[in-house]
Amino acid sequence: MDYVEVARSESERGEVVLRERVDPGDQHGLRVLELRVNGVFVMDTLETTTERQLAVAALAQVDEPRAVVIGGLGLGFTLREVLADHRVEQVAVVEIEDSLVKWMRDGTVPHGPAVLADERLTVITADIRMAMAEATPAAYDLVLLDVDNGPGYLVYDDNAAVYQETFLAQVAAALRPGGTGVVWSAAEAPELAEALETVFGNVATLPHDVVLRPGSGPDAPARTEQYWLYLSRR
């Protein structure tokens, strides 16, 4: 497997790299972009079902998901799924890395400009913890958190706070009655479930099986992984 670096940036948090994965044996010409932060794999454009499922599962919990907050832009697949729902009237996506927003806007990520052009969307370049601390109480119907790979696989050490009671209480306060908070994790996270139960008084744990292929072609060897969604309703 070969890699071609597409874009790179550095901030006080470290290094963000977007690279293209090239499989010499792939005859289909599929372009796969891969996002890494401080050397940690975050996501790619080949296997996006979990990012999209985060949105689908959350949207299914609310009759009128008019106002939505997404913590983490990534490569925009959760955002795109939310915007595809005609019930959604406004979306705020909070992304701490300005470079990711730039790459989505300028077409470095090819589908990015179309996604960010939606008039319902507001992009906030900030730490999700700050954004939730300053959020208007009871303003949102959904808060979707996909800031890294879950509490067991942090992209940044400071993100540990996102999975703890103090921050989750801020999420609950930002939700309207009946609103839902959803957290994505790359592995089962019982401590996260316990924190959500403590804050919200309820939690649903949804496992999601995905088939991952290290190569970009349909004949590439595959392995099955299980990811997790944690949902709590105010």
C-alpha atoms as a PDB file:
ATOM      1  CA  MET A   1       0.000   0.000   0.000  1.00  0.00           C
ATOM      2  CA  ASP A   2       1.350   3.412  -0.982  1.00  0.00           C
ATOM      3  CA  TYR A   3       0.434   6.813   0.448  1.00  0.00           C
ATOM      4  CA  VAL A   4       0.585  10.265  -1.067  1.00  0.00           C
ATOM      5  CA  GLU A   5       0.367  13.229   1.291  1.00  0.00           C
ATOM      6  CA  VAL A   6      -2.373  15.614   0.192  1.00  0.00           C
ATOM      7  CA  ALA A   7      -2.275  18.227   2.961  1.00  0.00           C
ATOM      8  CA  ARG A   8      -0.627  18.805   6.334  1.00  0.00           C
ATOM      9  CA  SER A   9      -1.010  21.336   9.128  1.00  0.00           C
ATOM     10  CA  GLU A  10       0.336  21.846  12.628  1.00  0.00           C
ATOM     11  CA  SER A  11      -1.192  23.522  15.644  1.00  0.00           C
ATOM     12  CA  GLU A  12      -0.530  23.639  19.382  1.00  0.00           C
ATOM     13  CA  ARG A  13      -2.290  20.255  19.558  1.00  0.00           C
ATOM     14  CA  GLY A  14       0.045  18.627  17.035  1.00  0.00           C
ATOM     15  CA  GLU A  15      -0.114  17.452  13.446  1.00  0.00           C
ATOM     16  CA  VAL A  16      -3.095  16.910  11.146  1.00  0.00           C
ATOM     17  CA  VAL A  17      -2.431  15.025   7.913  1.00  0.00           C
ATOM     18  CA  LEU A  18      -4.681  14.210   4.978  1.00  0.00           C
ATOM     19  CA  ARG A  19      -3.237  11.573   2.694  1.00  0.00           C
ATOM     20  CA  GLU A  20      -4.364   9.542  -0.284  1.00  0.00           C
ATOM     21  CA  ARG A  21      -4.150   5.783  -0.073  1.00  0.00           C
ATOM     22  CA  VAL A  22      -3.007   4.139  -3.285  1.00  0.00           C
ATOM     23  CA  ASP A  23      -3.380   0.396  -3.761  1.00  0.00           C
ATOM     24  CA  PRO A  24      -1.149  -0.702  -6.673  1.00  0.00           C
ATOM     25  CA  GLY A  25      -3.368  -3.753  -7.184  1.00  0.00           C
ATOM     26  CA  ASP A  26      -6.603  -1.785  -7.427  1.00  0.00           C
ATOM     27  CA  GLN A  27      -7.763  -1.540 -11.030  1.00  0.00           C
ATOM     28  CA  HIS A  28     -10.877   0.477 -10.215  1.00  0.00           C
ATOM     29  CA  GLY A  29      -9.228   3.850  -9.686  1.00  0.00           C
ATOM     30  CA  LEU A  30     -10.988   4.520  -6.392  1.00  0.00           C
ATOM     31  CA  ARG A  31      -9.494   7.496  -4.534  1.00  0.00           C
ATOM     32  CA  VAL A  32      -9.380   6.953  -0.769  1.00  0.00           C
ATOM     33  CA  LEU A  33      -8.517   9.858   1.505  1.00  0.00           C
ATOM     34  CA  GLU A  34      -7.327   9.121   5.036  1.00  0.00           C
ATOM     35  CA  LEU A  35      -7.264  11.539   7.963  1.00  0.00           C
ATOM     36  CA  ARG A  36      -4.642  11.151  10.714  1.00  0.00           C
ATOM     37  CA  VAL A  37      -4.062  13.310  13.780  1.00  0.00           C
ATOM     38  CA  ASN A  38      -0.696  12.989  15.549  1.00  0.00           C
ATOM     39  CA  GLY A  39      -0.190   9.733  13.691  1.00  0.00           C
ATOM     40  CA  VAL A  40      -3.517   8.290  14.890  1.00  0.00           C
ATOM     41  CA  PHE A  41      -5.950   7.060  12.235  1.00  0.00           C
ATOM     42  CA  VAL A  42      -9.212   9.000  12.558  1.00  0.00           C
ATOM     43  CA  MET A  43     -11.227   8.068   9.467  1.00  0.00           C
ATOM     44  CA  ASP A  44     -11.122   7.611   5.716  1.00  0.00           C
ATOM     45  CA  THR A  45     -13.484   7.967   2.775  1.00  0.00           C
ATOM     46  CA  LEU A  46     -13.733   4.225   2.114  1.00  0.00           C
ATOM     47  CA  GLU A  47     -15.606   3.004   5.195  1.00  0.00           C
ATOM     48  CA  THR A  48     -18.058   5.701   6.277  1.00  0.00           C
ATOM     49  CA  THR A  49     -21.025   3.681   7.528  1.00  0.00           C
ATOM     50  CA  THR A  50     -20.327   4.378  11.203  1.00  0.00           C
ATOM     51  CA  GLU A  51     -20.129   8.133  10.642  1.00  0.00           C
ATOM     52  CA  ARG A  52     -23.397   8.024   8.747  1.00  0.00           C
ATOM     53  CA  GLN A  53     -24.998   5.617  11.217  1.00  0.00           C
ATOM     54  CA  LEU A  54     -24.260   8.073  14.013  1.00  0.00           C
ATOM     55  CA  ALA A  55     -26.552  10.538  12.279  1.00  0.00           C
ATOM     56  CA  VAL A  56     -29.200   7.992  11.261  1.00  0.00           C
ATOM     57  CA  ALA A  57     -29.505   6.528  14.772  1.00  0.00           C
ATOM     58  CA  ALA A  58     -29.699   9.971  16.362  1.00  0.00           C
ATOM     59  CA  LEU A  59     -32.210  11.400  13.898  1.00  0.00           C
ATOM     60  CA  ALA A  60     -34.464   8.396  14.467  1.00  0.00           C
ATOM     61  CA  GLN A  61     -34.746   9.262  18.159  1.00  0.00           C
ATOM     62  CA  VAL A  62     -36.383  12.662  17.691  1.00  0.00           C
ATOM     63  CA  ASP A  63     -39.667  13.438  15.965  1.00  0.00           C
ATOM     64  CA  GLU A  64     -38.604  16.968  15.040  1.00  0.00           C
ATOM     65  CA  PRO A  65     -34.793  17.306  14.924  1.00  0.00           C
ATOM     66  CA  ARG A  66     -34.934  20.935  13.915  1.00  0.00           C
ATOM     67  CA  ALA A  67     -31.707  22.110  15.571  1.00  0.00           C
ATOM     68  CA  VAL A  68     -28.619  19.896  15.664  1.00  0.00           C
ATOM     69  CA  VAL A  69     -25.074  20.235  16.993  1.00  0.00           C
ATOM     70  CA  ILE A  70     -22.289  18.000  15.685  1.00  0.00           C
ATOM     71  CA  GLY A  71     -19.061  17.799  17.640  1.00  0.00           C
ATOM     72  CA  GLY A  72     -16.347  17.008  15.093  1.00  0.00           C
ATOM     73  CA  LEU A  73     -16.404  17.759  11.373  1.00  0.00           C
ATOM     74  CA  GLY A  74     -13.956  15.077  10.264  1.00  0.00           C
ATOM     75  CA  LEU A  75     -14.460  14.521   6.540  1.00  0.00           C
ATOM     76  CA  GLY A  76     -18.100  15.554   6.716  1.00  0.00           C
ATOM     77  CA  PHE A  77     -20.003  12.273   6.422  1.00  0.00           C
ATOM     78  CA  THR A  78     -22.019  12.614   9.630  1.00  0.00           C
ATOM     79  CA  LEU A  79     -22.785  16.214   8.699  1.00  0.00           C
ATOM     80  CA  ARG A  80     -23.884  15.251   5.189  1.00  0.00           C
ATOM     81  CA  GLU A  81     -26.268  12.627   6.568  1.00  0.00           C
ATOM     82  CA  VAL A  82     -27.808  15.134   8.974  1.00  0.00           C
ATOM     83  CA  LEU A  83     -28.279  17.696   6.202  1.00  0.00           C
ATOM     84  CA  ALA A  84     -30.020  15.059   4.070  1.00  0.00           C
ATOM     85  CA  ASP A  85     -32.883  14.983   6.596  1.00  0.00           C
ATOM     86  CA  HIS A  86     -35.530  17.493   5.476  1.00  0.00           C
ATOM     87  CA  ARG A  87     -36.724  17.961   9.074  1.00  0.00           C
ATOM     88  CA  VAL A  88     -33.427  19.604  10.037  1.00  0.00           C
ATOM     89  CA  GLU A  89     -33.635  23.388   9.957  1.00  0.00           C
ATOM     90  CA  GLN A  90     -30.257  24.372  11.381  1.00  0.00           C
ATOM     91  CA  VAL A  91     -26.973  22.611  12.075  1.00  0.00           C
ATOM     92  CA  ALA A  92     -23.938  23.828  13.977  1.00  0.00           C
ATOM     93  CA  VAL A  93     -20.794  21.769  13.449  1.00  0.00           C
ATOM     94  CA  VAL A  94     -17.974  22.401  15.918  1.00  0.00           C
ATOM     95  CA  GLU A  95     -14.446  21.562  14.755  1.00  0.00           C
ATOM     96  CA  ILE A  96     -11.305  22.446  16.680  1.00  0.00           C
ATOM     97  CA  GLU A  97      -8.934  22.132  13.700  1.00  0.00           C
ATOM     98  CA  ASP A  98      -9.240  25.089  11.345  1.00  0.00           C
ATOM     99  CA  SER A  99      -7.251  23.186   8.718  1.00  0.00           C
ATOM    100  CA  LEU A 100     -10.006  20.579   8.371  1.00  0.00           C
ATOM    101  CA  VAL A 101     -12.574  23.291   7.746  1.00  0.00           C
ATOM    102  CA  LYS A 102     -10.260  24.887   5.175  1.00  0.00           C
ATOM    103  CA  TRP A 103      -9.673  21.594   3.339  1.00  0.00           C
ATOM    104  CA  MET A 104     -13.401  20.948   3.194  1.00  0.00           C
ATOM    105  CA  ARG A 105     -14.108  24.463   1.907  1.00  0.00           C
ATOM    106  CA  ASP A 106     -11.405  24.654  -0.749  1.00  0.00           C
ATOM    107  CA  GLY A 107     -12.030  21.242  -2.326  1.00  0.00           C
ATOM    108  CA  THR A 108      -8.959  19.482  -0.970  1.00  0.00           C
ATOM    109  CA  VAL A 109     -11.647  17.089   0.250  1.00  0.00           C
ATOM    110  CA  PRO A 110     -13.577  16.877  -3.041  1.00  0.00           C
ATOM    111  CA  HIS A 111     -17.092  16.596  -1.605  1.00  0.00           C
ATOM    112  CA  GLY A 112     -16.399  19.303   0.989  1.00  0.00           C
ATOM    113  CA  PRO A 113     -17.533  22.486  -0.805  1.00  0.00           C
ATOM    114  CA  ALA A 114     -20.971  21.083  -1.600  1.00  0.00           C
ATOM    115  CA  VAL A 115     -21.501  19.951   1.999  1.00  0.00           C
ATOM    116  CA  LEU A 116     -20.433  23.247   3.565  1.00  0.00           C
ATOM    117  CA  ALA A 117     -22.480  25.305   1.100  1.00  0.00           C
ATOM    118  CA  ASP A 118     -25.781  24.308   2.727  1.00  0.00           C
ATOM    119  CA  GLU A 119     -27.475  27.479   3.992  1.00  0.00           C
ATOM    120  CA  ARG A 120     -28.707  25.707   7.136  1.00  0.00           C
ATOM    121  CA  LEU A 121     -25.131  25.149   8.309  1.00  0.00           C
ATOM    122  CA  THR A 122     -22.983  27.146  10.718  1.00  0.00           C
ATOM    123  CA  VAL A 123     -19.362  26.065  11.138  1.00  0.00           C
ATOM    124  CA  ILE A 124     -17.774  26.941  14.482  1.00  0.00           C
ATOM    125  CA  THR A 125     -14.001  26.575  14.838  1.00  0.00           C
ATOM    126  CA  ALA A 126     -13.658  25.860  18.536  1.00  0.00           C
ATOM    127  CA  ASP A 127     -13.275  23.192  21.183  1.00  0.00           C
ATOM    128  CA  ILE A 128     -16.594  21.372  21.607  1.00  0.00           C
ATOM    129  CA  ARG A 129     -16.212  21.735  25.378  1.00  0.00           C
ATOM    130  CA  MET A 130     -16.175  25.510  25.074  1.00  0.00           C
ATOM    131  CA  ALA A 131     -19.053  25.469  22.597  1.00  0.00           C
ATOM    132  CA  MET A 132     -21.254  23.402  24.918  1.00  0.00           C
ATOM    133  CA  ALA A 133     -20.330  25.499  27.955  1.00  0.00           C
ATOM    134  CA  GLU A 134     -21.507  28.598  26.064  1.00  0.00           C
ATOM    135  CA  ALA A 135     -24.544  27.000  24.387  1.00  0.00           C
ATOM    136  CA  THR A 136     -27.986  28.485  24.921  1.00  0.00           C
ATOM    137  CA  PRO A 137     -29.922  26.277  27.356  1.00  0.00           C
ATOM    138  CA  ALA A 138     -32.543  23.987  25.799  1.00  0.00           C
ATOM    139  CA  ALA A 139     -31.702  25.207  22.287  1.00  0.00           C
ATOM    140  CA  TYR A 140     -31.072  21.910  20.476  1.00  0.00           C
ATOM    141  CA  ASP A 141     -32.883  18.711  19.625  1.00  0.00           C
ATOM    142  CA  LEU A 142     -29.752  16.659  18.972  1.00  0.00           C
ATOM    143  CA  VAL A 143     -26.118  16.740  20.007  1.00  0.00           C
ATOM    144  CA  LEU A 144     -23.883  14.255  18.128  1.00  0.00           C
ATOM    145  CA  LEU A 145     -20.357  13.735  19.439  1.00  0.00           C
ATOM    146  CA  ASP A 146     -17.684  12.235  17.193  1.00  0.00           C
ATOM    147  CA  VAL A 147     -14.615  14.187  18.261  1.00  0.00           C
ATOM    148  CA  ASP A 148     -12.174  11.280  18.146  1.00  0.00           C
ATOM    149  CA  ASN A 149     -12.263   7.464  18.452  1.00  0.00           C
ATOM    150  CA  GLY A 150     -14.023   7.242  21.790  1.00  0.00           C
ATOM    151  CA  PRO A 151     -12.800   7.307  25.408  1.00  0.00           C
ATOM    152  CA  GLY A 152     -10.403   4.402  24.914  1.00  0.00           C
ATOM    153  CA  TYR A 153      -8.691   5.806  21.801  1.00  0.00           C
ATOM    154  CA  LEU A 154      -8.232   9.525  22.304  1.00  0.00           C
ATOM    155  CA  VAL A 155      -6.861  11.665  19.510  1.00  0.00           C
ATOM    156  CA  TYR A 156      -5.999  14.346  22.079  1.00  0.00           C
ATOM    157  CA  ASP A 157      -5.547  13.580  25.776  1.00  0.00           C
ATOM    158  CA  ASP A 158      -7.726  16.571  26.695  1.00  0.00           C
ATOM    159  CA  ASN A 159     -10.661  14.884  24.954  1.00  0.00           C
ATOM    160  CA  ALA A 160     -11.041  12.582  27.962  1.00  0.00           C
ATOM    161  CA  ALA A 161     -13.256  15.287  29.475  1.00  0.00           C
ATOM    162  CA  VAL A 162     -15.781  14.878  26.641  1.00  0.00           C
ATOM    163  CA  TYR A 163     -16.763  11.482  28.050  1.00  0.00           C
ATOM    164  CA  GLN A 164     -17.152  12.578  31.671  1.00  0.00           C
ATOM    165  CA  GLU A 165     -20.110  13.801  33.692  1.00  0.00           C
ATOM    166  CA  THR A 166     -19.286  17.524  33.824  1.00  0.00           C
ATOM    167  CA  PHE A 167     -19.251  17.918  30.051  1.00  0.00           C
ATOM    168  CA  LEU A 168     -22.163  15.522  29.486  1.00  0.00           C
ATOM    169  CA  ALA A 169     -24.227  17.625  31.901  1.00  0.00           C
ATOM    170  CA  GLN A 170     -23.550  20.634  29.673  1.00  0.00           C
ATOM    171  CA  VAL A 171     -24.773  18.618  26.703  1.00  0.00           C
ATOM    172  CA  ALA A 172     -27.937  17.713  28.601  1.00  0.00           C
ATOM    173  CA  ALA A 173     -28.511  21.367  29.499  1.00  0.00           C
ATOM    174  CA  ALA A 174     -28.237  22.373  25.828  1.00  0.00           C
ATOM    175  CA  LEU A 175     -30.928  19.879  24.818  1.00  0.00           C
ATOM    176  CA  ARG A 176     -34.628  20.577  24.746  1.00  0.00           C
ATOM    177  CA  PRO A 177     -36.863  18.183  26.705  1.00  0.00           C
ATOM    178  CA  GLY A 178     -37.009  15.000  24.644  1.00  0.00           C
ATOM    179  CA  GLY A 179     -33.744  15.891  22.912  1.00  0.00           C
ATOM    180  CA  THR A 180     -31.030  13.276  22.474  1.00  0.00           C
ATOM    181  CA  GLY A 181     -27.277  13.156  22.925  1.00  0.00           C
ATOM    182  CA  VAL A 182     -25.324  10.547  20.985  1.00  0.00           C
ATOM    183  CA  VAL A 183     -21.668   9.564  21.396  1.00  0.00           C
ATOM    184  CA  TRP A 184     -19.647   7.406  18.975  1.00  0.00           C
ATOM    185  CA  SER A 185     -16.945   5.039  20.235  1.00  0.00           C
ATOM    186  CA  ALA A 186     -14.573   2.657  18.487  1.00  0.00           C
ATOM    187  CA  ALA A 187     -14.926   0.180  21.363  1.00  0.00           C
ATOM    188  CA  GLU A 188     -17.389  -0.704  24.090  1.00  0.00           C
ATOM    189  CA  ALA A 189     -17.133   1.935  26.827  1.00  0.00           C
ATOM    190  CA  PRO A 190     -18.939   0.946  30.040  1.00  0.00           C
ATOM    191  CA  GLU A 191     -17.629   3.979  31.944  1.00  0.00           C
ATOM    192  CA  LEU A 192     -19.131   6.261  29.306  1.00  0.00           C
ATOM    193  CA  ALA A 193     -22.443   4.419  29.595  1.00  0.00           C
ATOM    194  CA  GLU A 194     -22.329   4.864  33.364  1.00  0.00           C
ATOM    195  CA  ALA A 195     -21.620   8.588  33.041  1.00  0.00           C
ATOM    196  CA  LEU A 196     -24.518   9.036  30.602  1.00  0.00           C
ATOM    197  CA  GLU A 197     -26.828   7.081  32.897  1.00  0.00           C
ATOM    198  CA  THR A 198     -25.829   9.289  35.824  1.00  0.00           C
ATOM    199  CA  VAL A 199     -26.394  12.533  33.913  1.00  0.00           C
ATOM    200  CA  PHE A 200     -29.473  11.678  31.832  1.00  0.00           C
ATOM    201  CA  GLY A 201     -31.013   8.868  33.867  1.00  0.00           C
ATOM    202  CA  ASN A 202     -31.019   6.633  30.789  1.00  0.00           C
ATOM    203  CA  VAL A 203     -28.683   5.244  28.149  1.00  0.00           C
ATOM    204  CA  ALA A 204     -29.068   2.946  25.144  1.00  0.00           C
ATOM    205  CA  THR A 205     -26.047   1.079  23.820  1.00  0.00           C
ATOM    206  CA  LEU A 206     -26.096   0.239  20.113  1.00  0.00           C
ATOM    207  CA  PRO A 207     -23.348  -2.000  18.654  1.00  0.00           C
ATOM    208  CA  HIS A 208     -22.676  -1.579  14.951  1.00  0.00           C
ATOM    209  CA  ASP A 209     -20.805  -4.161  12.858  1.00  0.00           C
ATOM    210  CA  VAL A 210     -18.670  -2.897   9.985  1.00  0.00           C
ATOM    211  CA  VAL A 211     -16.495  -4.627   7.412  1.00  0.00           C
ATOM    212  CA  LEU A 212     -13.128  -2.916   6.989  1.00  0.00           C
ATOM    213  CA  ARG A 213     -10.885  -3.352   3.964  1.00  0.00           C
ATOM    214  CA  PRO A 214      -7.260  -2.201   4.177  1.00  0.00           C
ATOM    215  CA  GLY A 215      -7.188  -1.906   0.392  1.00  0.00           C
ATOM    216  CA  SER A 216      -9.463   0.198  -1.789  1.00  0.00           C
ATOM    217  CA  GLY A 217     -10.540  -2.501  -4.234  1.00  0.00           C
ATOM    218  CA  PRO A 218     -13.574  -4.772  -3.764  1.00  0.00           C
ATOM    219  CA  ASP A 219     -11.307  -7.832  -3.703  1.00  0.00           C
ATOM    220  CA  ALA A 220      -9.173  -6.531  -0.837  1.00  0.00           C
ATOM    221  CA  PRO A 221      -9.110  -8.747   2.271  1.00  0.00           C
ATOM    222  CA  ALA A 222     -11.656  -7.734   4.874  1.00  0.00           C
ATOM    223  CA  ARG A 223     -12.044  -7.874   8.627  1.00  0.00           C
ATOM    224  CA  THR A 224     -15.098  -7.253  10.787  1.00  0.00           C
ATOM    225  CA  GLU A 225     -15.051  -4.713  13.590  1.00  0.00           C
ATOM    226  CA  GLN A 226     -17.729  -3.626  16.037  1.00  0.00           C
ATOM    227  CA  TYR A 227     -18.245   0.038  16.846  1.00  0.00           C
ATOM    228  CA  TRP A 228     -20.627   1.521  19.394  1.00  0.00           C
ATOM    229  CA  LEU A 229     -23.179   4.288  19.704  1.00  0.00           C
ATOM    230  CA  TYR A 230     -24.330   5.549  23.102  1.00  0.00           C
ATOM    231  CA  LEU A 231     -27.648   7.412  23.159  1.00  0.00           C
ATOM    232  CA  SER A 232     -29.308   9.284  26.042  1.00  0.00           C
ATOM    233  CA  ARG A 233     -32.519  11.285  25.998  1.00  0.00           C
ATOM    234  CA  ARG A 234     -33.247  14.322  28.104  1.00  0.00           C
END
